[in-house]
Amino acid sequence: AGMFGGFSSSFFSTYHSKIPKAPGFEKRNKLYQLFNYINHWN
């Protein structure tokens, strides 16, 4: 959702008001982006 644009910041802020970012979120977000990059390579 965050990789290729198209979602406004209000999407994420409303989401995180219900599910706050857990410690280590940014690094794991990179890890989950990795899956999508490899999938796109394939």
PDB file of all heavy atoms in Angstrom:
ATOM      1  N   ALA A   1       0.838  -1.204   0.000  1.00  0.00           N
ATOM      2  CA  ALA A   1       0.000   0.000   0.000  1.00  0.00           C
ATOM      3  C   ALA A   1       0.875   1.257   0.000  1.00  0.00           C
ATOM      4  O   ALA A   1       0.523   2.278  -0.590  1.00  0.00           O
ATOM      5  CB  ALA A   1      -0.935  -0.009   1.204  1.00  0.00           C
ATOM      6  N   GLY A   2       2.029   1.179   0.663  1.00  0.00           N
ATOM      7  CA  GLY A   2       2.901   2.348   0.745  1.00  0.00           C
ATOM      8  C   GLY A   2       3.926   2.447  -0.366  1.00  0.00           C
ATOM      9  O   GLY A   2       4.578   3.477  -0.534  1.00  0.00           O
ATOM     10  N   MET A   3       4.098   1.380  -1.153  1.00  0.00           N
ATOM     11  CA  MET A   3       5.193   1.338  -2.125  1.00  0.00           C
ATOM     12  C   MET A   3       4.947   2.095  -3.414  1.00  0.00           C
ATOM     13  O   MET A   3       5.819   2.751  -3.939  1.00  0.00           O
ATOM     14  CB  MET A   3       5.503  -0.122  -2.487  1.00  0.00           C
ATOM     15  CG  MET A   3       6.389  -0.800  -1.483  1.00  0.00           C
ATOM     16  SD  MET A   3       6.426  -2.578  -1.755  1.00  0.00           S
ATOM     17  CE  MET A   3       7.547  -2.736  -3.137  1.00  0.00           C
ATOM     18  N   PHE A   4       3.754   1.959  -3.954  1.00  0.00           N
ATOM     19  CA  PHE A   4       3.535   2.460  -5.310  1.00  0.00           C
ATOM     20  C   PHE A   4       2.574   3.650  -5.362  1.00  0.00           C
ATOM     21  O   PHE A   4       2.006   3.961  -6.393  1.00  0.00           O
ATOM     22  CB  PHE A   4       3.025   1.322  -6.217  1.00  0.00           C
ATOM     23  CG  PHE A   4       3.986   0.158  -6.273  1.00  0.00           C
ATOM     24  CD1 PHE A   4       3.663  -1.062  -5.689  1.00  0.00           C
ATOM     25  CD2 PHE A   4       5.223   0.287  -6.883  1.00  0.00           C
ATOM     26  CE1 PHE A   4       4.551  -2.130  -5.730  1.00  0.00           C
ATOM     27  CE2 PHE A   4       6.122  -0.766  -6.927  1.00  0.00           C
ATOM     28  CZ  PHE A   4       5.788  -1.980  -6.347  1.00  0.00           C
ATOM     29  N   GLY A   5       2.384   4.310  -4.205  1.00  0.00           N
ATOM     30  CA  GLY A   5       1.526   5.494  -4.172  1.00  0.00           C
ATOM     31  C   GLY A   5       0.053   5.144  -4.307  1.00  0.00           C
ATOM     32  O   GLY A   5      -0.335   3.979  -4.368  1.00  0.00           O
ATOM     33  N   GLY A   6      -0.788   6.191  -4.351  1.00  0.00           N
ATOM     34  CA  GLY A   6      -2.212   5.970  -4.564  1.00  0.00           C
ATOM     35  C   GLY A   6      -3.050   5.950  -3.293  1.00  0.00           C
ATOM     36  O   GLY A   6      -4.260   6.017  -3.344  1.00  0.00           O
ATOM     37  N   PHE A   7      -2.378   5.846  -2.133  1.00  0.00           N
ATOM     38  CA  PHE A   7      -3.107   5.915  -0.867  1.00  0.00           C
ATOM     39  C   PHE A   7      -2.747   7.227  -0.176  1.00  0.00           C
ATOM     40  O   PHE A   7      -1.566   7.517  -0.008  1.00  0.00           O
ATOM     41  CB  PHE A   7      -2.732   4.748   0.057  1.00  0.00           C
ATOM     42  CG  PHE A   7      -3.298   3.427  -0.382  1.00  0.00           C
ATOM     43  CD1 PHE A   7      -2.599   2.621  -1.274  1.00  0.00           C
ATOM     44  CD2 PHE A   7      -4.523   2.986   0.086  1.00  0.00           C
ATOM     45  CE1 PHE A   7      -3.116   1.399  -1.690  1.00  0.00           C
ATOM     46  CE2 PHE A   7      -5.047   1.765  -0.321  1.00  0.00           C
ATOM     47  CZ  PHE A   7      -4.349   0.968  -1.220  1.00  0.00           C
ATOM     48  N   SER A   8      -3.754   7.983   0.219  1.00  0.00           N
ATOM     49  CA  SER A   8      -3.462   9.264   0.860  1.00  0.00           C
ATOM     50  C   SER A   8      -2.973   9.034   2.287  1.00  0.00           C
ATOM     51  O   SER A   8      -3.161   7.948   2.848  1.00  0.00           O
ATOM     52  CB  SER A   8      -4.722  10.121   0.893  1.00  0.00           C
ATOM     53  OG  SER A   8      -5.634   9.537   1.797  1.00  0.00           O
ATOM     54  N   SER A   9      -2.366  10.071   2.872  1.00  0.00           N
ATOM     55  CA  SER A   9      -1.860   9.937   4.242  1.00  0.00           C
ATOM     56  C   SER A   9      -3.016   9.666   5.215  1.00  0.00           C
ATOM     57  O   SER A   9      -2.820   9.056   6.260  1.00  0.00           O
ATOM     58  CB  SER A   9      -1.107  11.193   4.653  1.00  0.00           C
ATOM     59  OG  SER A   9      -1.955  12.309   4.541  1.00  0.00           O
ATOM     60  N   SER A  10      -4.234  10.097   4.852  1.00  0.00           N
ATOM     61  CA  SER A  10      -5.376   9.862   5.756  1.00  0.00           C
ATOM     62  C   SER A  10      -5.696   8.369   5.884  1.00  0.00           C
ATOM     63  O   SER A  10      -6.172   7.913   6.919  1.00  0.00           O
ATOM     64  CB  SER A  10      -6.619  10.634   5.283  1.00  0.00           C
ATOM     65  OG  SER A  10      -7.099  10.086   4.071  1.00  0.00           O
ATOM     66  N   PHE A  11      -5.412   7.598   4.835  1.00  0.00           N
ATOM     67  CA  PHE A  11      -5.605   6.143   4.898  1.00  0.00           C
ATOM     68  C   PHE A  11      -4.733   5.569   6.020  1.00  0.00           C
ATOM     69  O   PHE A  11      -5.200   4.831   6.881  1.00  0.00           O
ATOM     70  CB  PHE A  11      -5.244   5.491   3.552  1.00  0.00           C
ATOM     71  CG  PHE A  11      -5.154   3.981   3.608  1.00  0.00           C
ATOM     72  CD1 PHE A  11      -6.293   3.195   3.443  1.00  0.00           C
ATOM     73  CD2 PHE A  11      -3.938   3.334   3.841  1.00  0.00           C
ATOM     74  CE1 PHE A  11      -6.230   1.800   3.517  1.00  0.00           C
ATOM     75  CE2 PHE A  11      -3.860   1.943   3.911  1.00  0.00           C
ATOM     76  CZ  PHE A  11      -5.013   1.179   3.743  1.00  0.00           C
ATOM     77  N   PHE A  12      -3.445   5.947   5.995  1.00  0.00           N
ATOM     78  CA  PHE A  12      -2.504   5.396   6.978  1.00  0.00           C
ATOM     79  C   PHE A  12      -2.750   5.929   8.384  1.00  0.00           C
ATOM     80  O   PHE A  12      -2.686   5.175   9.350  1.00  0.00           O
ATOM     81  CB  PHE A  12      -1.057   5.681   6.541  1.00  0.00           C
ATOM     82  CG  PHE A  12      -0.679   4.957   5.278  1.00  0.00           C
ATOM     83  CD1 PHE A  12      -0.637   5.626   4.060  1.00  0.00           C
ATOM     84  CD2 PHE A  12      -0.401   3.604   5.289  1.00  0.00           C
ATOM     85  CE1 PHE A  12      -0.303   4.950   2.885  1.00  0.00           C
ATOM     86  CE2 PHE A  12      -0.063   2.909   4.117  1.00  0.00           C
ATOM     87  CZ  PHE A  12      -0.026   3.594   2.913  1.00  0.00           C
ATOM     88  N   SER A  13      -3.048   7.247   8.495  1.00  0.00           N
ATOM     89  CA  SER A  13      -3.229   7.800   9.850  1.00  0.00           C
ATOM     90  C   SER A  13      -4.472   7.205  10.518  1.00  0.00           C
ATOM     91  O   SER A  13      -4.454   6.897  11.712  1.00  0.00           O
ATOM     92  CB  SER A  13      -3.269   9.326   9.830  1.00  0.00           C
ATOM     93  OG  SER A  13      -4.289   9.775   8.970  1.00  0.00           O
ATOM     94  N   THR A  14      -5.542   7.011   9.739  1.00  0.00           N
ATOM     95  CA  THR A  14      -6.753   6.409  10.322  1.00  0.00           C
ATOM     96  C   THR A  14      -6.482   4.953  10.711  1.00  0.00           C
ATOM     97  O   THR A  14      -6.898   4.488  11.769  1.00  0.00           O
ATOM     98  CB  THR A  14      -7.934   6.467   9.325  1.00  0.00           C
ATOM     99  OG1 THR A  14      -8.008   7.771   8.789  1.00  0.00           O
ATOM    100  CG2 THR A  14      -9.250   6.128   9.997  1.00  0.00           C
ATOM    101  N   TYR A  15      -5.749   4.247   9.844  1.00  0.00           N
ATOM    102  CA  TYR A  15      -5.391   2.852  10.134  1.00  0.00           C
ATOM    103  C   TYR A  15      -4.616   2.783  11.454  1.00  0.00           C
ATOM    104  O   TYR A  15      -4.948   2.008  12.352  1.00  0.00           O
ATOM    105  CB  TYR A  15      -4.546   2.270   8.994  1.00  0.00           C
ATOM    106  CG  TYR A  15      -4.112   0.841   9.250  1.00  0.00           C
ATOM    107  CD1 TYR A  15      -4.877  -0.233   8.798  1.00  0.00           C
ATOM    108  CD2 TYR A  15      -2.953   0.560   9.984  1.00  0.00           C
ATOM    109  CE1 TYR A  15      -4.503  -1.545   9.058  1.00  0.00           C
ATOM    110  CE2 TYR A  15      -2.572  -0.743  10.255  1.00  0.00           C
ATOM    111  CZ  TYR A  15      -3.344  -1.793   9.786  1.00  0.00           C
ATOM    112  OH  TYR A  15      -2.979  -3.091  10.054  1.00  0.00           O
ATOM    113  N   HIS A  16      -3.584   3.636  11.572  1.00  0.00           N
ATOM    114  CA  HIS A  16      -2.715   3.558  12.762  1.00  0.00           C
ATOM    115  C   HIS A  16      -3.369   4.112  14.021  1.00  0.00           C
ATOM    116  O   HIS A  16      -2.895   3.843  15.124  1.00  0.00           O
ATOM    117  CB  HIS A  16      -1.368   4.233  12.489  1.00  0.00           C
ATOM    118  CG  HIS A  16      -0.496   3.431  11.573  1.00  0.00           C
ATOM    119  ND1 HIS A  16      -0.124   2.136  11.850  1.00  0.00           N
ATOM    120  CD2 HIS A  16       0.051   3.731  10.372  1.00  0.00           C
ATOM    121  CE1 HIS A  16       0.621   1.670  10.862  1.00  0.00           C
ATOM    122  NE2 HIS A  16       0.741   2.611   9.958  1.00  0.00           N
ATOM    123  N   SER A  17      -4.458   4.868  13.867  1.00  0.00           N
ATOM    124  CA  SER A  17      -5.178   5.285  15.076  1.00  0.00           C
ATOM    125  C   SER A  17      -5.870   4.075  15.703  1.00  0.00           C
ATOM    126  O   SER A  17      -6.134   4.043  16.901  1.00  0.00           O
ATOM    127  CB  SER A  17      -6.183   6.391  14.762  1.00  0.00           C
ATOM    128  OG  SER A  17      -7.244   5.875  13.982  1.00  0.00           O
ATOM    129  N   LYS A  18      -6.127   3.045  14.896  1.00  0.00           N
ATOM    130  CA  LYS A  18      -6.728   1.800  15.415  1.00  0.00           C
ATOM    131  C   LYS A  18      -5.673   0.737  15.728  1.00  0.00           C
ATOM    132  O   LYS A  18      -5.815  -0.048  16.655  1.00  0.00           O
ATOM    133  CB  LYS A  18      -7.718   1.226  14.391  1.00  0.00           C
ATOM    134  CG  LYS A  18      -8.939   2.100  14.206  1.00  0.00           C
ATOM    135  CD  LYS A  18     -10.099   1.306  13.624  1.00  0.00           C
ATOM    136  CE  LYS A  18     -11.396   1.805  14.232  1.00  0.00           C
ATOM    137  NZ  LYS A  18     -12.438   0.822  14.276  1.00  0.00           N
ATOM    138  N   ILE A  19      -4.640   0.674  14.887  1.00  0.00           N
ATOM    139  CA  ILE A  19      -3.540  -0.286  15.103  1.00  0.00           C
ATOM    140  C   ILE A  19      -2.230   0.509  15.085  1.00  0.00           C
ATOM    141  O   ILE A  19      -1.647   0.740  14.018  1.00  0.00           O
ATOM    142  CB  ILE A  19      -3.515  -1.388  14.003  1.00  0.00           C
ATOM    143  CG1 ILE A  19      -4.865  -2.137  13.950  1.00  0.00           C
ATOM    144  CG2 ILE A  19      -2.372  -2.374  14.258  1.00  0.00           C
ATOM    145  CD1 ILE A  19      -4.960  -3.213  12.881  1.00  0.00           C
ATOM    146  N   PRO A  20      -1.773   0.954  16.261  1.00  0.00           N
ATOM    147  CA  PRO A  20      -0.537   1.760  16.306  1.00  0.00           C
ATOM    148  C   PRO A  20       0.678   0.953  15.835  1.00  0.00           C
ATOM    149  O   PRO A  20       0.684  -0.283  15.914  1.00  0.00           O
ATOM    150  CB  PRO A  20      -0.402   2.130  17.788  1.00  0.00           C
ATOM    151  CG  PRO A  20      -1.748   1.887  18.391  1.00  0.00           C
ATOM    152  CD  PRO A  20      -2.377   0.785  17.594  1.00  0.00           C
ATOM    153  N   LYS A  21       1.693   1.675  15.342  1.00  0.00           N
ATOM    154  CA  LYS A  21       2.920   1.007  14.891  1.00  0.00           C
ATOM    155  C   LYS A  21       3.629   0.381  16.086  1.00  0.00           C
ATOM    156  O   LYS A  21       3.869   1.054  17.090  1.00  0.00           O
ATOM    157  CB  LYS A  21       3.865   2.016  14.234  1.00  0.00           C
ATOM    158  CG  LYS A  21       3.358   2.543  12.905  1.00  0.00           C
ATOM    159  CD  LYS A  21       4.339   3.547  12.313  1.00  0.00           C
ATOM    160  CE  LYS A  21       3.794   4.115  11.006  1.00  0.00           C
ATOM    161  NZ  LYS A  21       4.697   5.093  10.387  1.00  0.00           N
ATOM    162  N   ALA A  22       3.967  -0.902  15.968  1.00  0.00           N
ATOM    163  CA  ALA A  22       4.698  -1.592  17.040  1.00  0.00           C
ATOM    164  C   ALA A  22       6.185  -1.279  16.902  1.00  0.00           C
ATOM    165  O   ALA A  22       6.644  -0.923  15.811  1.00  0.00           O
ATOM    166  CB  ALA A  22       4.451  -3.097  16.930  1.00  0.00           C
ATOM    167  N   PRO A  23       6.972  -1.418  17.994  1.00  0.00           N
ATOM    168  CA  PRO A  23       8.418  -1.175  17.890  1.00  0.00           C
ATOM    169  C   PRO A  23       9.029  -2.036  16.783  1.00  0.00           C
ATOM    170  O   PRO A  23       8.686  -3.212  16.643  1.00  0.00           O
ATOM    171  CB  PRO A  23       8.945  -1.608  19.266  1.00  0.00           C
ATOM    172  CG  PRO A  23       7.767  -1.561  20.177  1.00  0.00           C
ATOM    173  CD  PRO A  23       6.556  -1.819  19.336  1.00  0.00           C
ATOM    174  N   GLY A  24       9.907  -1.429  15.981  1.00  0.00           N
ATOM    175  CA  GLY A  24      10.554  -2.155  14.879  1.00  0.00           C
ATOM    176  C   GLY A  24       9.737  -2.157  13.597  1.00  0.00           C
ATOM    177  O   GLY A  24      10.099  -2.815  12.615  1.00  0.00           O
ATOM    178  N   PHE A  25       8.644  -1.390  13.582  1.00  0.00           N
ATOM    179  CA  PHE A  25       7.732  -1.367  12.424  1.00  0.00           C
ATOM    180  C   PHE A  25       8.460  -1.029  11.117  1.00  0.00           C
ATOM    181  O   PHE A  25       8.264  -1.693  10.100  1.00  0.00           O
ATOM    182  CB  PHE A  25       6.593  -0.354  12.664  1.00  0.00           C
ATOM    183  CG  PHE A  25       5.695  -0.142  11.459  1.00  0.00           C
ATOM    184  CD1 PHE A  25       4.588  -0.950  11.259  1.00  0.00           C
ATOM    185  CD2 PHE A  25       5.974   0.850  10.515  1.00  0.00           C
ATOM    186  CE1 PHE A  25       3.770  -0.785  10.138  1.00  0.00           C
ATOM    187  CE2 PHE A  25       5.165   1.026   9.398  1.00  0.00           C
ATOM    188  CZ  PHE A  25       4.060   0.215   9.205  1.00  0.00           C
ATOM    189  N   GLU A  26       9.307   0.022  11.139  1.00  0.00           N
ATOM    190  CA  GLU A  26       9.920   0.503   9.886  1.00  0.00           C
ATOM    191  C   GLU A  26      10.792  -0.576   9.236  1.00  0.00           C
ATOM    192  O   GLU A  26      10.760  -0.760   8.025  1.00  0.00           O
ATOM    193  CB  GLU A  26      10.736   1.789  10.108  1.00  0.00           C
ATOM    194  CG  GLU A  26       9.953   2.968  10.697  1.00  0.00           C
ATOM    195  CD  GLU A  26       8.682   3.369   9.914  1.00  0.00           C
ATOM    196  OE1 GLU A  26       8.589   3.093   8.712  1.00  0.00           O
ATOM    197  OE2 GLU A  26       7.773   3.961  10.549  1.00  0.00           O
ATOM    198  N   LYS A  27      11.550  -1.271  10.063  1.00  0.00           N
ATOM    199  CA  LYS A  27      12.429  -2.311   9.508  1.00  0.00           C
ATOM    200  C   LYS A  27      11.617  -3.474   8.931  1.00  0.00           C
ATOM    201  O   LYS A  27      11.910  -3.991   7.856  1.00  0.00           O
ATOM    202  CB  LYS A  27      13.400  -2.816  10.576  1.00  0.00           C
ATOM    203  CG  LYS A  27      14.471  -3.725   9.983  1.00  0.00           C
ATOM    204  CD  LYS A  27      15.691  -3.880  10.845  1.00  0.00           C
ATOM    205  CE  LYS A  27      16.835  -4.483  10.029  1.00  0.00           C
ATOM    206  NZ  LYS A  27      18.065  -4.636  10.807  1.00  0.00           N
ATOM    207  N   ARG A  28      10.567  -3.863   9.656  1.00  0.00           N
ATOM    208  CA  ARG A  28       9.728  -4.962   9.146  1.00  0.00           C
ATOM    209  C   ARG A  28       8.976  -4.524   7.886  1.00  0.00           C
ATOM    210  O   ARG A  28       8.742  -5.327   6.984  1.00  0.00           O
ATOM    211  CB  ARG A  28       8.735  -5.424  10.228  1.00  0.00           C
ATOM    212  CG  ARG A  28       9.393  -6.205  11.356  1.00  0.00           C
ATOM    213  CD  ARG A  28       8.366  -6.812  12.284  1.00  0.00           C
ATOM    214  NE  ARG A  28       7.480  -5.820  12.873  1.00  0.00           N
ATOM    215  CZ  ARG A  28       7.755  -5.124  13.977  1.00  0.00           C
ATOM    216  NH1 ARG A  28       8.890  -5.301  14.613  1.00  0.00           N
ATOM    217  NH2 ARG A  28       6.881  -4.239  14.444  1.00  0.00           N
ATOM    218  N   ASN A  29       8.631  -3.243   7.810  1.00  0.00           N
ATOM    219  CA  ASN A  29       7.964  -2.734   6.616  1.00  0.00           C
ATOM    220  C   ASN A  29       8.867  -2.912   5.394  1.00  0.00           C
ATOM    221  O   ASN A  29       8.415  -3.288   4.313  1.00  0.00           O
ATOM    222  CB  ASN A  29       7.586  -1.257   6.820  1.00  0.00           C
ATOM    223  CG  ASN A  29       6.654  -0.757   5.729  1.00  0.00           C
ATOM    224  OD1 ASN A  29       5.628  -1.362   5.436  1.00  0.00           O
ATOM    225  ND2 ASN A  29       7.013   0.343   5.104  1.00  0.00           N
ATOM    226  N   LYS A  30      10.184  -2.671   5.594  1.00  0.00           N
ATOM    227  CA  LYS A  30      11.167  -2.900   4.515  1.00  0.00           C
ATOM    228  C   LYS A  30      11.200  -4.384   4.121  1.00  0.00           C
ATOM    229  O   LYS A  30      11.294  -4.731   2.950  1.00  0.00           O
ATOM    230  CB  LYS A  30      12.564  -2.498   4.980  1.00  0.00           C
ATOM    231  CG  LYS A  30      12.835  -1.024   4.882  1.00  0.00           C
ATOM    232  CD  LYS A  30      14.218  -0.766   4.319  1.00  0.00           C
ATOM    233  CE  LYS A  30      14.421   0.657   3.834  1.00  0.00           C
ATOM    234  NZ  LYS A  30      13.284   1.558   3.977  1.00  0.00           N
ATOM    235  N   LEU A  31      11.135  -5.238   5.150  1.00  0.00           N
ATOM    236  CA  LEU A  31      11.151  -6.685   4.903  1.00  0.00           C
ATOM    237  C   LEU A  31       9.933  -7.093   4.069  1.00  0.00           C
ATOM    238  O   LEU A  31      10.038  -7.907   3.141  1.00  0.00           O
ATOM    239  CB  LEU A  31      11.145  -7.431   6.243  1.00  0.00           C
ATOM    240  CG  LEU A  31      11.120  -8.960   6.169  1.00  0.00           C
ATOM    241  CD1 LEU A  31      12.448  -9.503   5.631  1.00  0.00           C
ATOM    242  CD2 LEU A  31      10.823  -9.560   7.541  1.00  0.00           C
ATOM    243  N   TYR A  32       8.775  -6.519   4.388  1.00  0.00           N
ATOM    244  CA  TYR A  32       7.556  -6.845   3.644  1.00  0.00           C
ATOM    245  C   TYR A  32       7.580  -6.224   2.246  1.00  0.00           C
ATOM    246  O   TYR A  32       7.038  -6.793   1.301  1.00  0.00           O
ATOM    247  CB  TYR A  32       6.315  -6.402   4.430  1.00  0.00           C
ATOM    248  CG  TYR A  32       6.131  -7.182   5.721  1.00  0.00           C
ATOM    249  CD1 TYR A  32       5.687  -6.555   6.886  1.00  0.00           C
ATOM    250  CD2 TYR A  32       6.423  -8.547   5.779  1.00  0.00           C
ATOM    251  CE1 TYR A  32       5.530  -7.278   8.065  1.00  0.00           C
ATOM    252  CE2 TYR A  32       6.273  -9.265   6.950  1.00  0.00           C
ATOM    253  CZ  TYR A  32       5.827  -8.636   8.096  1.00  0.00           C
ATOM    254  OH  TYR A  32       5.680  -9.350   9.253  1.00  0.00           O
ATOM    255  N   GLN A  33       8.253  -5.075   2.112  1.00  0.00           N
ATOM    256  CA  GLN A  33       8.430  -4.499   0.771  1.00  0.00           C
ATOM    257  C   GLN A  33       9.299  -5.420  -0.086  1.00  0.00           C
ATOM    258  O   GLN A  33       9.066  -5.561  -1.278  1.00  0.00           O
ATOM    259  CB  GLN A  33       9.088  -3.116   0.868  1.00  0.00           C
ATOM    260  CG  GLN A  33       8.146  -2.033   1.359  1.00  0.00           C
ATOM    261  CD  GLN A  33       8.792  -0.653   1.353  1.00  0.00           C
ATOM    262  OE1 GLN A  33       9.957  -0.499   1.018  1.00  0.00           O
ATOM    263  NE2 GLN A  33       8.024   0.343   1.738  1.00  0.00           N
ATOM    264  N   LEU A  34      10.291  -6.044   0.567  1.00  0.00           N
ATOM    265  CA  LEU A  34      11.178  -6.959  -0.161  1.00  0.00           C
ATOM    266  C   LEU A  34      10.379  -8.039  -0.879  1.00  0.00           C
ATOM    267  O   LEU A  34      10.620  -8.332  -2.048  1.00  0.00           O
ATOM    268  CB  LEU A  34      12.179  -7.597   0.817  1.00  0.00           C
ATOM    269  CG  LEU A  34      13.090  -8.683   0.219  1.00  0.00           C
ATOM    270  CD1 LEU A  34      14.004  -8.108  -0.871  1.00  0.00           C
ATOM    271  CD2 LEU A  34      13.931  -9.354   1.306  1.00  0.00           C
ATOM    272  N   PHE A  35       9.377  -8.610  -0.184  1.00  0.00           N
ATOM    273  CA  PHE A  35       8.542  -9.627  -0.832  1.00  0.00           C
ATOM    274  C   PHE A  35       7.945  -9.073  -2.129  1.00  0.00           C
ATOM    275  O   PHE A  35       7.949  -9.741  -3.167  1.00  0.00           O
ATOM    276  CB  PHE A  35       7.407 -10.082   0.103  1.00  0.00           C
ATOM    277  CG  PHE A  35       6.316 -10.829  -0.635  1.00  0.00           C
ATOM    278  CD1 PHE A  35       6.473 -12.165  -0.968  1.00  0.00           C
ATOM    279  CD2 PHE A  35       5.155 -10.176  -1.047  1.00  0.00           C
ATOM    280  CE1 PHE A  35       5.489 -12.845  -1.691  1.00  0.00           C
ATOM    281  CE2 PHE A  35       4.167 -10.842  -1.767  1.00  0.00           C
ATOM    282  CZ  PHE A  35       4.337 -12.181  -2.087  1.00  0.00           C
ATOM    283  N   ASN A  36       7.427  -7.849  -2.079  1.00  0.00           N
ATOM    284  CA  ASN A  36       6.772  -7.264  -3.249  1.00  0.00           C
ATOM    285  C   ASN A  36       7.754  -6.957  -4.380  1.00  0.00           C
ATOM    286  O   ASN A  36       7.425  -7.115  -5.547  1.00  0.00           O
ATOM    287  CB  ASN A  36       5.987  -6.010  -2.838  1.00  0.00           C
ATOM    288  CG  ASN A  36       4.786  -6.366  -1.985  1.00  0.00           C
ATOM    289  OD1 ASN A  36       3.843  -6.988  -2.457  1.00  0.00           O
ATOM    290  ND2 ASN A  36       4.825  -6.036  -0.702  1.00  0.00           N
ATOM    291  N   TYR A  37       8.969  -6.532  -4.019  1.00  0.00           N
ATOM    292  CA  TYR A  37       9.984  -6.295  -5.064  1.00  0.00           C
ATOM    293  C   TYR A  37      10.361  -7.606  -5.774  1.00  0.00           C
ATOM    294  O   TYR A  37      10.481  -7.656  -6.988  1.00  0.00           O
ATOM    295  CB  TYR A  37      11.230  -5.635  -4.477  1.00  0.00           C
ATOM    296  CG  TYR A  37      11.069  -4.142  -4.236  1.00  0.00           C
ATOM    297  CD1 TYR A  37      11.335  -3.577  -2.990  1.00  0.00           C
ATOM    298  CD2 TYR A  37      10.649  -3.288  -5.265  1.00  0.00           C
ATOM    299  CE1 TYR A  37      11.174  -2.217  -2.763  1.00  0.00           C
ATOM    300  CE2 TYR A  37      10.495  -1.919  -5.051  1.00  0.00           C
ATOM    301  CZ  TYR A  37      10.762  -1.392  -3.797  1.00  0.00           C
ATOM    302  OH  TYR A  37      10.605  -0.042  -3.582  1.00  0.00           O
ATOM    303  N   ILE A  38      10.529  -8.673  -4.973  1.00  0.00           N
ATOM    304  CA  ILE A  38      10.896  -9.966  -5.600  1.00  0.00           C
ATOM    305  C   ILE A  38       9.734 -10.466  -6.470  1.00  0.00           C
ATOM    306  O   ILE A  38       9.946 -10.973  -7.573  1.00  0.00           O
ATOM    307  CB  ILE A  38      11.260 -11.047  -4.549  1.00  0.00           C
ATOM    308  CG1 ILE A  38      12.307 -10.533  -3.568  1.00  0.00           C
ATOM    309  CG2 ILE A  38      11.809 -12.290  -5.247  1.00  0.00           C
ATOM    310  CD1 ILE A  38      12.502 -11.434  -2.345  1.00  0.00           C
ATOM    311  N   ASN A  39       8.519 -10.311  -5.961  1.00  0.00           N
ATOM    312  CA  ASN A  39       7.337 -10.717  -6.731  1.00  0.00           C
ATOM    313  C   ASN A  39       7.269  -9.947  -8.056  1.00  0.00           C
ATOM    314  O   ASN A  39       6.942 -10.508  -9.102  1.00  0.00           O
ATOM    315  CB  ASN A  39       6.080 -10.487  -5.885  1.00  0.00           C
ATOM    316  CG  ASN A  39       4.815 -10.993  -6.561  1.00  0.00           C
ATOM    317  OD1 ASN A  39       4.765 -12.101  -7.096  1.00  0.00           O
ATOM    318  ND2 ASN A  39       3.777 -10.181  -6.568  1.00  0.00           N
ATOM    319  N   HIS A  40       7.616  -8.660  -8.016  1.00  0.00           N
ATOM    320  CA  HIS A  40       7.626  -7.854  -9.249  1.00  0.00           C
ATOM    321  C   HIS A  40       8.756  -8.282 -10.180  1.00  0.00           C
ATOM    322  O   HIS A  40       8.587  -8.302 -11.398  1.00  0.00           O
ATOM    323  CB  HIS A  40       7.735  -6.364  -8.908  1.00  0.00           C
ATOM    324  CG  HIS A  40       6.404  -5.753  -8.587  1.00  0.00           C
ATOM    325  ND1 HIS A  40       5.682  -6.102  -7.470  1.00  0.00           N
ATOM    326  CD2 HIS A  40       5.645  -4.848  -9.260  1.00  0.00           C
ATOM    327  CE1 HIS A  40       4.540  -5.427  -7.465  1.00  0.00           C
ATOM    328  NE2 HIS A  40       4.488  -4.673  -8.533  1.00  0.00           N
ATOM    329  N   TRP A  41       9.899  -8.627  -9.622  1.00  0.00           N
ATOM    330  CA  TRP A  41      11.015  -9.139 -10.429  1.00  0.00           C
ATOM    331  C   TRP A  41      10.552 -10.413 -11.147  1.00  0.00           C
ATOM    332  O   TRP A  41      10.766 -10.578 -12.348  1.00  0.00           O
ATOM    333  CB  TRP A  41      12.207  -9.388  -9.502  1.00  0.00           C
ATOM    334  CG  TRP A  41      13.478  -9.878 -10.154  1.00  0.00           C
ATOM    335  CD1 TRP A  41      13.687 -10.175 -11.460  1.00  0.00           C
ATOM    336  CD2 TRP A  41      14.736 -10.112  -9.485  1.00  0.00           C
ATOM    337  NE1 TRP A  41      14.990 -10.598 -11.662  1.00  0.00           N
ATOM    338  CE2 TRP A  41      15.658 -10.566 -10.462  1.00  0.00           C
ATOM    339  CE3 TRP A  41      15.159 -10.003  -8.166  1.00  0.00           C
ATOM    340  CZ2 TRP A  41      16.989 -10.898 -10.147  1.00  0.00           C
ATOM    341  CZ3 TRP A  41      16.486 -10.323  -7.851  1.00  0.00           C
ATOM    342  CH2 TRP A  41      17.383 -10.767  -8.837  1.00  0.00           C
ATOM    343  N   ASN A  42       9.866 -11.292 -10.415  1.00  0.00           N
ATOM    344  CA  ASN A  42       9.366 -12.530 -11.031  1.00  0.00           C
ATOM    345  C   ASN A  42       8.317 -12.273 -12.109  1.00  0.00           C
ATOM    346  O   ASN A  42       8.248 -13.001 -13.094  1.00  0.00           O
ATOM    347  CB  ASN A  42       8.789 -13.462  -9.959  1.00  0.00           C
ATOM    348  CG  ASN A  42       9.866 -14.323  -9.312  1.00  0.00           C
ATOM    349  OD1 ASN A  42      10.716 -14.858 -10.010  1.00  0.00           O
ATOM    350  ND2 ASN A  42       9.846 -14.443  -7.999  1.00  0.00           N
TER     351      ASN A  42
END
